[in-house]
Protein backbone atom coordinates (compact mmCIF):
# COMPACT_ATOMS: atom_id res chain seq x y z
CA UNK A 1 -63.13 31.22 -56.51
CA UNK A 2 -63.86 27.24 -57.14
CA UNK A 3 -61.30 24.75 -58.19
CA UNK A 4 -63.03 24.53 -61.84
CA UNK A 5 -62.54 28.49 -62.11
CA UNK A 6 -58.86 28.22 -60.79
CA UNK A 7 -58.21 25.66 -63.40
CA UNK A 8 -60.01 27.72 -66.15
CA UNK A 9 -57.83 30.60 -65.27
CA UNK A 10 -54.71 28.37 -65.59
CA UNK A 11 -55.85 27.22 -68.85
CA UNK A 12 -56.73 30.86 -70.22
CA UNK A 13 -53.25 32.07 -69.13
CA UNK A 14 -51.51 29.13 -70.68
CA UNK A 15 -50.10 27.98 -67.07
CA UNK A 16 -51.42 24.55 -67.27
CA UNK A 17 -53.37 22.10 -69.45
CA UNK A 18 -56.74 20.97 -69.05
CA UNK A 19 -57.48 18.17 -66.46
CA UNK A 20 -56.76 14.69 -67.89
CA UNK A 21 -57.04 11.10 -66.51
CA UNK A 22 -53.46 9.72 -66.20
CA UNK A 23 -54.88 6.30 -66.15
CA UNK A 24 -57.11 6.58 -69.28
CA UNK A 25 -55.27 9.34 -71.09
CA UNK A 26 -51.82 9.17 -70.05
CA UNK A 27 -49.71 11.99 -68.98
CA UNK A 28 -49.15 14.64 -71.66
CA UNK A 29 -45.53 14.96 -73.09
CA UNK A 30 -43.92 16.65 -75.91
CA UNK A 31 -41.51 14.72 -78.33
CA UNK A 32 -38.53 16.38 -76.82
CA UNK A 33 -39.64 15.29 -73.12
CA UNK A 34 -40.26 11.74 -74.41
CA UNK A 35 -36.68 11.69 -76.06
CA UNK A 36 -34.84 13.39 -73.27
CA UNK A 37 -36.69 11.34 -70.61
CA UNK A 38 -37.61 14.66 -68.83
CA UNK A 39 -40.11 14.71 -66.02
CA UNK A 40 -43.44 16.07 -66.31
CA UNK A 41 -44.97 17.03 -63.12
CA UNK A 42 -48.67 16.08 -62.05
CA UNK A 43 -50.76 17.49 -59.39
CA UNK A 44 -53.47 15.20 -58.01
CA UNK A 45 -56.75 17.11 -57.12
CA UNK A 46 -58.60 15.65 -54.20
CA UNK A 47 -62.23 15.91 -53.57
CA UNK A 48 -61.84 15.95 -49.66
CA UNK A 49 -59.07 15.93 -47.04
CA UNK A 50 -60.09 11.94 -46.42
CA UNK A 51 -58.97 11.40 -50.09
CA UNK A 52 -55.68 13.24 -49.53
CA UNK A 53 -54.96 11.10 -46.47
CA UNK A 54 -55.96 7.71 -48.25
CA UNK A 55 -53.82 8.64 -51.46
CA UNK A 56 -50.91 9.76 -49.72
CA UNK A 57 -50.79 7.17 -47.24
CA UNK A 58 -49.85 4.72 -49.83
CA UNK A 59 -47.85 6.77 -52.21
CA UNK A 60 -44.15 7.09 -51.07
CA UNK A 61 -43.36 9.71 -54.04
CA UNK A 62 -46.14 12.03 -52.72
CA UNK A 63 -44.51 11.73 -49.34
CA UNK A 64 -41.04 12.28 -49.98
CA UNK A 65 -41.47 14.65 -52.79
CA UNK A 66 -43.48 17.05 -50.32
CA UNK A 67 -40.93 16.30 -47.59
CA UNK A 68 -38.13 17.49 -49.87
CA UNK A 69 -39.99 20.84 -50.50
CA UNK A 70 -40.57 21.00 -46.83
CA UNK A 71 -44.15 20.82 -47.07
CA UNK A 72 -46.45 19.66 -44.15
CA UNK A 73 -50.13 19.44 -43.94
CA UNK A 74 -51.75 21.54 -41.34
CA UNK A 75 -53.89 19.47 -38.95
CA UNK A 76 -57.18 18.34 -40.35
CA UNK A 77 -60.12 20.47 -38.86
CA UNK A 78 -61.90 18.58 -36.30
CA UNK A 79 -59.18 15.58 -36.80
């Protein structure tokens, strides 16, 4: 299953919205979420492990949210 197949499966089952650009489009909210100040969680998709490393190296929320969940990355193959 490709990433696009996986995303389409989520869309078809109403588990997620379509991919949007948070920079250009903004993060999608309901009116209630805006009024209540609720969090809307966003998953960043990476093209390659090197991209993940570059993004996460400079984004402390990505680091501490993963840490709070007990998530760690396995070693990069060949790295």
